[in-house]
Amino acid sequence: MEEMNIQLNNQSNELTQRVKNISACQICAGVLPHQPRPVIQVSQSAKILIVGQAPGRKVHETGIPFNDASGQRFVNGLV
């Protein structure tokens, strides 16, 4: 059981570090009309991964994935 807890802690630490790295990404800073702001939401218990590309202004401003009109249409299409 202790070995399983260590493995889960390591996975949690790795996920946390990946989220920090993604959130700090500035690769496209020179080509965007605004500051880069990667929008990311993760869960260790998720069974699927959904990646959005080029979020709209509202998502960029709020940092909340899929909270604009096109995102809502997308989410509604999933259910």
Foldseek 3Di string as FASTA:
>chain_A
DVVVVVVVVVVVVVVVVVVVVQQPDQVCVVPDPDGDGDQDDDDPPDPDDDDDPDDDPVCRVPSDPLPDPVSVVVVVVVD
